[in-house]
């Protein structure tokens, strides 16, 4: 219990020192991570919600450290008090607000992502010449691979085990190896990815 208290104190300090743009990213990440968590949503204070995510969701610690990347001192505090999972790798590309990593094994190296980017277990996003670019509200499901200098549109679901090496338009579901469009996005899909 004592160690948890120190983690919360350190996280609160880092959150307050991080600056307004980073706070906005963290707040969006916390909100996205608590979307399906009724216990965490009961907290109204942004700091309490952040602490809940850091203590209960190990993968969120890696997201938090990603947001602290531009503050070397704060990143060192993360390493000491809130160690990230070594099985989640992030590249240097810009990752928009509302990032949700739903498992503790993945490699994420995009050139750029939009808001509400969600990654399942075992996902590999990487380089084949250059890194991929993603639009808003993209869900990359379990064990999918996305590589190359390609553009993935907004409101896209990439199915489990898919291999994506070509551009994907907006508002579609893609599956397979190689990935192909199987249908458009409907209202139920939007609830899942937004």
C-alpha atoms as a PDB file:
ATOM      1  CA  UNK A   1       0.000   0.000   0.000  1.00  0.00           C
ATOM      2  CA  UNK A   2       2.835   2.382   0.888  1.00  0.00           C
ATOM      3  CA  UNK A   3       4.462   1.876  -2.520  1.00  0.00           C
ATOM      4  CA  UNK A   4       1.153   2.605  -4.274  1.00  0.00           C
ATOM      5  CA  UNK A   5       0.858   5.871  -2.364  1.00  0.00           C
ATOM      6  CA  UNK A   6       4.317   6.952  -3.550  1.00  0.00           C
ATOM      7  CA  UNK A   7       3.459   6.028  -7.109  1.00  0.00           C
ATOM      8  CA  UNK A   8       0.353   8.204  -6.924  1.00  0.00           C
ATOM      9  CA  UNK A   9       2.258  11.154  -5.432  1.00  0.00           C
ATOM     10  CA  UNK A  10       4.945  10.960  -8.109  1.00  0.00           C
ATOM     11  CA  UNK A  11       2.343  10.605 -10.882  1.00  0.00           C
ATOM     12  CA  UNK A  12       0.471  13.656  -9.555  1.00  0.00           C
ATOM     13  CA  UNK A  13       3.666  15.723  -9.579  1.00  0.00           C
ATOM     14  CA  UNK A  14       4.574  14.601 -13.096  1.00  0.00           C
ATOM     15  CA  UNK A  15       1.066  15.318 -14.348  1.00  0.00           C
ATOM     16  CA  UNK A  16       1.131  18.845 -12.900  1.00  0.00           C
ATOM     17  CA  UNK A  17       4.636  19.601 -14.258  1.00  0.00           C
ATOM     18  CA  UNK A  18       4.068  18.197 -17.735  1.00  0.00           C
ATOM     19  CA  UNK A  19       2.436  21.287 -19.254  1.00  0.00           C
ATOM     20  CA  UNK A  20      -0.992  21.923 -20.787  1.00  0.00           C
ATOM     21  CA  UNK A  21      -0.524  20.116 -24.153  1.00  0.00           C
ATOM     22  CA  UNK A  22       0.747  16.936 -22.460  1.00  0.00           C
ATOM     23  CA  UNK A  23      -2.027  17.114 -19.827  1.00  0.00           C
ATOM     24  CA  UNK A  24      -4.618  17.230 -22.609  1.00  0.00           C
ATOM     25  CA  UNK A  25      -3.108  14.130 -24.223  1.00  0.00           C
ATOM     26  CA  UNK A  26      -3.001  12.286 -20.890  1.00  0.00           C
ATOM     27  CA  UNK A  27      -6.588  13.282 -20.049  1.00  0.00           C
ATOM     28  CA  UNK A  28      -7.775  11.980 -23.444  1.00  0.00           C
ATOM     29  CA  UNK A  29      -5.819   8.737 -22.922  1.00  0.00           C
ATOM     30  CA  UNK A  30      -7.321   8.282 -19.450  1.00  0.00           C
ATOM     31  CA  UNK A  31     -10.851   8.940 -20.724  1.00  0.00           C
ATOM     32  CA  UNK A  32     -10.367   6.425 -23.534  1.00  0.00           C
ATOM     33  CA  UNK A  33      -8.913   3.795 -21.177  1.00  0.00           C
ATOM     34  CA  UNK A  34     -11.853   4.171 -18.793  1.00  0.00           C
ATOM     35  CA  UNK A  35     -14.542   4.022 -21.494  1.00  0.00           C
ATOM     36  CA  UNK A  36     -15.371   0.386 -20.686  1.00  0.00           C
ATOM     37  CA  UNK A  37     -14.274   0.435 -17.003  1.00  0.00           C
ATOM     38  CA  UNK A  38     -17.182   1.311 -14.691  1.00  0.00           C
ATOM     39  CA  UNK A  39     -15.022   1.191 -11.540  1.00  0.00           C
ATOM     40  CA  UNK A  40     -12.559   3.753 -12.898  1.00  0.00           C
ATOM     41  CA  UNK A  41     -15.263   6.079 -14.255  1.00  0.00           C
ATOM     42  CA  UNK A  42     -16.627   6.678 -10.757  1.00  0.00           C
ATOM     43  CA  UNK A  43     -13.716   9.035 -10.039  1.00  0.00           C
ATOM     44  CA  UNK A  44     -14.441  12.622 -11.037  1.00  0.00           C
ATOM     45  CA  UNK A  45     -11.025  14.174 -10.415  1.00  0.00           C
ATOM     46  CA  UNK A  46      -8.641  13.921 -13.404  1.00  0.00           C
ATOM     47  CA  UNK A  47      -5.765  13.087 -11.048  1.00  0.00           C
ATOM     48  CA  UNK A  48      -7.695  10.258  -9.348  1.00  0.00           C
ATOM     49  CA  UNK A  49      -8.689   8.855 -12.730  1.00  0.00           C
ATOM     50  CA  UNK A  50      -5.041   9.014 -13.815  1.00  0.00           C
ATOM     51  CA  UNK A  51      -3.903   7.261 -10.632  1.00  0.00           C
ATOM     52  CA  UNK A  52      -6.498   4.539 -11.134  1.00  0.00           C
ATOM     53  CA  UNK A  53      -5.222   3.881 -14.666  1.00  0.00           C
ATOM     54  CA  UNK A  54      -1.582   3.853 -13.563  1.00  0.00           C
ATOM     55  CA  UNK A  55      -2.228   1.437 -10.708  1.00  0.00           C
ATOM     56  CA  UNK A  56      -4.799  -0.886 -12.318  1.00  0.00           C
ATOM     57  CA  UNK A  57      -3.783  -0.900 -15.990  1.00  0.00           C
ATOM     58  CA  UNK A  58      -0.146  -1.858 -16.459  1.00  0.00           C
ATOM     59  CA  UNK A  59      -0.191  -1.100 -20.165  1.00  0.00           C
ATOM     60  CA  UNK A  60      -1.241   2.475 -19.372  1.00  0.00           C
ATOM     61  CA  UNK A  61       2.124   3.072 -17.665  1.00  0.00           C
ATOM     62  CA  UNK A  62       3.802   2.703 -21.053  1.00  0.00           C
ATOM     63  CA  UNK A  63       1.349   5.208 -22.555  1.00  0.00           C
ATOM     64  CA  UNK A  64       2.044   7.623 -19.674  1.00  0.00           C
ATOM     65  CA  UNK A  65       5.802   7.322 -20.216  1.00  0.00           C
ATOM     66  CA  UNK A  66       5.282   7.934 -23.933  1.00  0.00           C
ATOM     67  CA  UNK A  67       3.583  11.226 -23.088  1.00  0.00           C
ATOM     68  CA  UNK A  68       6.495  12.193 -20.802  1.00  0.00           C
ATOM     69  CA  UNK A  69       9.061  11.493 -23.533  1.00  0.00           C
ATOM     70  CA  UNK A  70       9.835  15.185 -24.133  1.00  0.00           C
ATOM     71  CA  UNK A  71      10.566  15.819 -20.445  1.00  0.00           C
ATOM     72  CA  UNK A  72      13.787  13.899 -19.639  1.00  0.00           C
ATOM     73  CA  UNK A  73      13.562  14.512 -15.887  1.00  0.00           C
ATOM     74  CA  UNK A  74       9.928  13.395 -15.694  1.00  0.00           C
ATOM     75  CA  UNK A  75      10.723  10.361 -17.828  1.00  0.00           C
ATOM     76  CA  UNK A  76      13.421   9.338 -15.331  1.00  0.00           C
ATOM     77  CA  UNK A  77      10.849   9.616 -12.543  1.00  0.00           C
ATOM     78  CA  UNK A  78       8.601   7.315 -14.570  1.00  0.00           C
ATOM     79  CA  UNK A  79      11.403   4.768 -14.819  1.00  0.00           C
ATOM     80  CA  UNK A  80      11.897   4.821 -11.052  1.00  0.00           C
ATOM     81  CA  UNK A  81       8.349   4.913  -9.716  1.00  0.00           C
ATOM     82  CA  UNK A  82       6.089   3.848 -12.596  1.00  0.00           C
ATOM     83  CA  UNK A  83       8.097   1.358 -14.627  1.00  0.00           C
ATOM     84  CA  UNK A  84       6.642   0.732 -18.051  1.00  0.00           C
ATOM     85  CA  UNK A  85       6.124  -2.696 -19.506  1.00  0.00           C
ATOM     86  CA  UNK A  86       9.191  -3.659 -21.513  1.00  0.00           C
ATOM     87  CA  UNK A  87       6.975  -5.654 -23.877  1.00  0.00           C
ATOM     88  CA  UNK A  88       5.354  -2.518 -25.329  1.00  0.00           C
ATOM     89  CA  UNK A  89       7.504  -0.494 -27.717  1.00  0.00           C
ATOM     90  CA  UNK A  90       6.665   2.951 -29.059  1.00  0.00           C
ATOM     91  CA  UNK A  91       8.441   4.717 -31.903  1.00  0.00           C
ATOM     92  CA  UNK A  92       9.060   8.435 -32.174  1.00  0.00           C
ATOM     93  CA  UNK A  93       6.065   9.165 -34.401  1.00  0.00           C
ATOM     94  CA  UNK A  94       3.256  11.415 -33.246  1.00  0.00           C
ATOM     95  CA  UNK A  95       0.493   9.516 -31.520  1.00  0.00           C
ATOM     96  CA  UNK A  96      -2.716  11.489 -31.112  1.00  0.00           C
ATOM     97  CA  UNK A  97      -4.955  11.781 -28.041  1.00  0.00           C
ATOM     98  CA  UNK A  98      -7.040   8.861 -26.832  1.00  0.00           C
ATOM     99  CA  UNK A  99      -4.456   6.091 -27.212  1.00  0.00           C
ATOM    100  CA  UNK A 100      -5.641   2.718 -25.890  1.00  0.00           C
ATOM    101  CA  UNK A 101      -3.233  -0.205 -25.726  1.00  0.00           C
ATOM    102  CA  UNK A 102      -5.368  -3.112 -24.609  1.00  0.00           C
ATOM    103  CA  UNK A 103      -2.646  -5.666 -23.924  1.00  0.00           C
ATOM    104  CA  UNK A 104       0.941  -5.761 -22.778  1.00  0.00           C
ATOM    105  CA  UNK A 105       2.623  -7.138 -25.927  1.00  0.00           C
ATOM    106  CA  UNK A 106       2.884  -4.934 -29.022  1.00  0.00           C
ATOM    107  CA  UNK A 107       5.236  -2.851 -31.166  1.00  0.00           C
ATOM    108  CA  UNK A 108       3.908   0.551 -32.289  1.00  0.00           C
ATOM    109  CA  UNK A 109       6.043   2.614 -34.686  1.00  0.00           C
ATOM    110  CA  UNK A 110       3.704   4.851 -36.708  1.00  0.00           C
ATOM    111  CA  UNK A 111       4.683   7.998 -38.558  1.00  0.00           C
ATOM    112  CA  UNK A 112       1.511   9.653 -37.227  1.00  0.00           C
ATOM    113  CA  UNK A 113      -1.845   8.647 -35.732  1.00  0.00           C
ATOM    114  CA  UNK A 114      -5.054  10.554 -35.279  1.00  0.00           C
ATOM    115  CA  UNK A 115      -7.216  10.580 -32.173  1.00  0.00           C
ATOM    116  CA  UNK A 116      -8.697   7.433 -30.575  1.00  0.00           C
ATOM    117  CA  UNK A 117      -6.083   4.964 -31.785  1.00  0.00           C
ATOM    118  CA  UNK A 118      -6.635   1.482 -30.303  1.00  0.00           C
ATOM    119  CA  UNK A 119      -4.198  -1.415 -30.434  1.00  0.00           C
ATOM    120  CA  UNK A 120      -4.867  -5.044 -29.523  1.00  0.00           C
ATOM    121  CA  UNK A 121      -2.446  -7.726 -28.294  1.00  0.00           C
ATOM    122  CA  UNK A 122       0.467  -8.798 -30.447  1.00  0.00           C
ATOM    123  CA  UNK A 123       0.111  -5.937 -32.942  1.00  0.00           C
ATOM    124  CA  UNK A 124       3.149  -4.902 -34.978  1.00  0.00           C
ATOM    125  CA  UNK A 125       3.172  -1.484 -36.632  1.00  0.00           C
ATOM    126  CA  UNK A 126       6.449  -0.816 -38.353  1.00  0.00           C
ATOM    127  CA  UNK A 127       8.624   0.177 -41.184  1.00  0.00           C
ATOM    128  CA  UNK A 128       9.116  -1.164 -44.666  1.00  0.00           C
ATOM    129  CA  UNK A 129      10.783   1.809 -46.328  1.00  0.00           C
ATOM    130  CA  UNK A 130       8.856   4.222 -44.101  1.00  0.00           C
ATOM    131  CA  UNK A 131       6.259   4.077 -41.319  1.00  0.00           C
ATOM    132  CA  UNK A 132       2.451   4.012 -41.751  1.00  0.00           C
ATOM    133  CA  UNK A 133       0.133   6.961 -41.087  1.00  0.00           C
ATOM    134  CA  UNK A 134      -3.270   6.474 -39.427  1.00  0.00           C
ATOM    135  CA  UNK A 135      -6.425   8.598 -39.394  1.00  0.00           C
ATOM    136  CA  UNK A 136      -8.838   9.089 -36.471  1.00  0.00           C
ATOM    137  CA  UNK A 137     -10.738   6.236 -34.765  1.00  0.00           C
ATOM    138  CA  UNK A 138      -8.636   3.304 -35.927  1.00  0.00           C
ATOM    139  CA  UNK A 139      -8.719  -0.082 -34.192  1.00  0.00           C
ATOM    140  CA  UNK A 140      -5.928  -2.529 -34.982  1.00  0.00           C
ATOM    141  CA  UNK A 141      -7.061  -5.918 -33.632  1.00  0.00           C
ATOM    142  CA  UNK A 142      -4.975  -8.764 -32.187  1.00  0.00           C
ATOM    143  CA  UNK A 143      -1.876  -9.965 -34.018  1.00  0.00           C
ATOM    144  CA  UNK A 144      -2.356  -7.633 -36.984  1.00  0.00           C
ATOM    145  CA  UNK A 145       0.686  -6.274 -38.822  1.00  0.00           C
ATOM    146  CA  UNK A 146       0.741  -2.869 -40.530  1.00  0.00           C
ATOM    147  CA  UNK A 147       3.968  -1.934 -42.336  1.00  0.00           C
ATOM    148  CA  UNK A 148       5.204   0.441 -44.994  1.00  0.00           C
ATOM    149  CA  UNK A 149       4.738   4.002 -46.186  1.00  0.00           C
ATOM    150  CA  UNK A 150       0.957   3.646 -46.332  1.00  0.00           C
ATOM    151  CA  UNK A 151      -2.065   5.624 -45.181  1.00  0.00           C
ATOM    152  CA  UNK A 152      -4.861   4.067 -43.122  1.00  0.00           C
ATOM    153  CA  UNK A 153      -8.021   6.187 -43.264  1.00  0.00           C
ATOM    154  CA  UNK A 154     -10.311   7.284 -40.427  1.00  0.00           C
ATOM    155  CA  UNK A 155     -12.963   5.010 -38.863  1.00  0.00           C
ATOM    156  CA  UNK A 156     -11.152   1.798 -39.814  1.00  0.00           C
ATOM    157  CA  UNK A 157     -11.078  -1.610 -38.164  1.00  0.00           C
ATOM    158  CA  UNK A 158      -8.160  -3.846 -39.068  1.00  0.00           C
ATOM    159  CA  UNK A 159      -9.175  -7.416 -38.239  1.00  0.00           C
ATOM    160  CA  UNK A 160      -7.244  -9.899 -36.131  1.00  0.00           C
ATOM    161  CA  UNK A 161      -4.240 -11.434 -37.856  1.00  0.00           C
ATOM    162  CA  UNK A 162      -4.455  -9.119 -40.867  1.00  0.00           C
ATOM    163  CA  UNK A 163      -1.367  -8.015 -42.769  1.00  0.00           C
ATOM    164  CA  UNK A 164      -1.703  -4.508 -44.188  1.00  0.00           C
ATOM    165  CA  UNK A 165       0.844  -3.269 -46.739  1.00  0.00           C
ATOM    166  CA  UNK A 166      -1.358  -1.016 -48.904  1.00  0.00           C
ATOM    167  CA  UNK A 167      -3.444   2.115 -48.303  1.00  0.00           C
ATOM    168  CA  UNK A 168      -6.860   1.636 -46.684  1.00  0.00           C
ATOM    169  CA  UNK A 169      -9.747   4.097 -47.344  1.00  0.00           C
ATOM    170  CA  UNK A 170     -11.963   5.669 -44.657  1.00  0.00           C
ATOM    171  CA  UNK A 171     -14.941   3.901 -43.049  1.00  0.00           C
ATOM    172  CA  UNK A 172     -14.127   0.242 -43.745  1.00  0.00           C
ATOM    173  CA  UNK A 173     -13.345  -3.069 -42.085  1.00  0.00           C
ATOM    174  CA  UNK A 174     -10.344  -4.940 -43.502  1.00  0.00           C
ATOM    175  CA  UNK A 175      -9.209  -8.516 -42.825  1.00  0.00           C
ATOM    176  CA  UNK A 176      -6.861 -11.121 -44.218  1.00  0.00           C
ATOM    177  CA  UNK A 177      -3.357 -11.661 -45.457  1.00  0.00           C
ATOM    178  CA  UNK A 178      -3.057  -9.597 -47.553  1.00  0.00           C
ATOM    179  CA  UNK A 179      -5.732  -7.347 -46.030  1.00  0.00           C
ATOM    180  CA  UNK A 180      -8.788  -6.564 -48.139  1.00  0.00           C
ATOM    181  CA  UNK A 181     -11.919  -4.546 -47.519  1.00  0.00           C
ATOM    182  CA  UNK A 182     -14.817  -6.786 -46.517  1.00  0.00           C
ATOM    183  CA  UNK A 183     -17.453  -4.153 -45.728  1.00  0.00           C
ATOM    184  CA  UNK A 184     -18.169  -0.602 -44.676  1.00  0.00           C
ATOM    185  CA  UNK A 185     -18.400   0.632 -41.098  1.00  0.00           C
ATOM    186  CA  UNK A 186     -21.860   0.629 -39.510  1.00  0.00           C
ATOM    187  CA  UNK A 187     -23.155   2.368 -36.373  1.00  0.00           C
ATOM    188  CA  UNK A 188     -22.342  -0.566 -34.050  1.00  0.00           C
ATOM    189  CA  UNK A 189     -18.738  -0.536 -35.269  1.00  0.00           C
ATOM    190  CA  UNK A 190     -18.419   3.182 -34.557  1.00  0.00           C
ATOM    191  CA  UNK A 191     -19.458   2.634 -30.939  1.00  0.00           C
ATOM    192  CA  UNK A 192     -16.622   0.111 -30.595  1.00  0.00           C
ATOM    193  CA  UNK A 193     -13.873   2.238 -32.138  1.00  0.00           C
ATOM    194  CA  UNK A 194     -14.768   5.767 -30.995  1.00  0.00           C
END
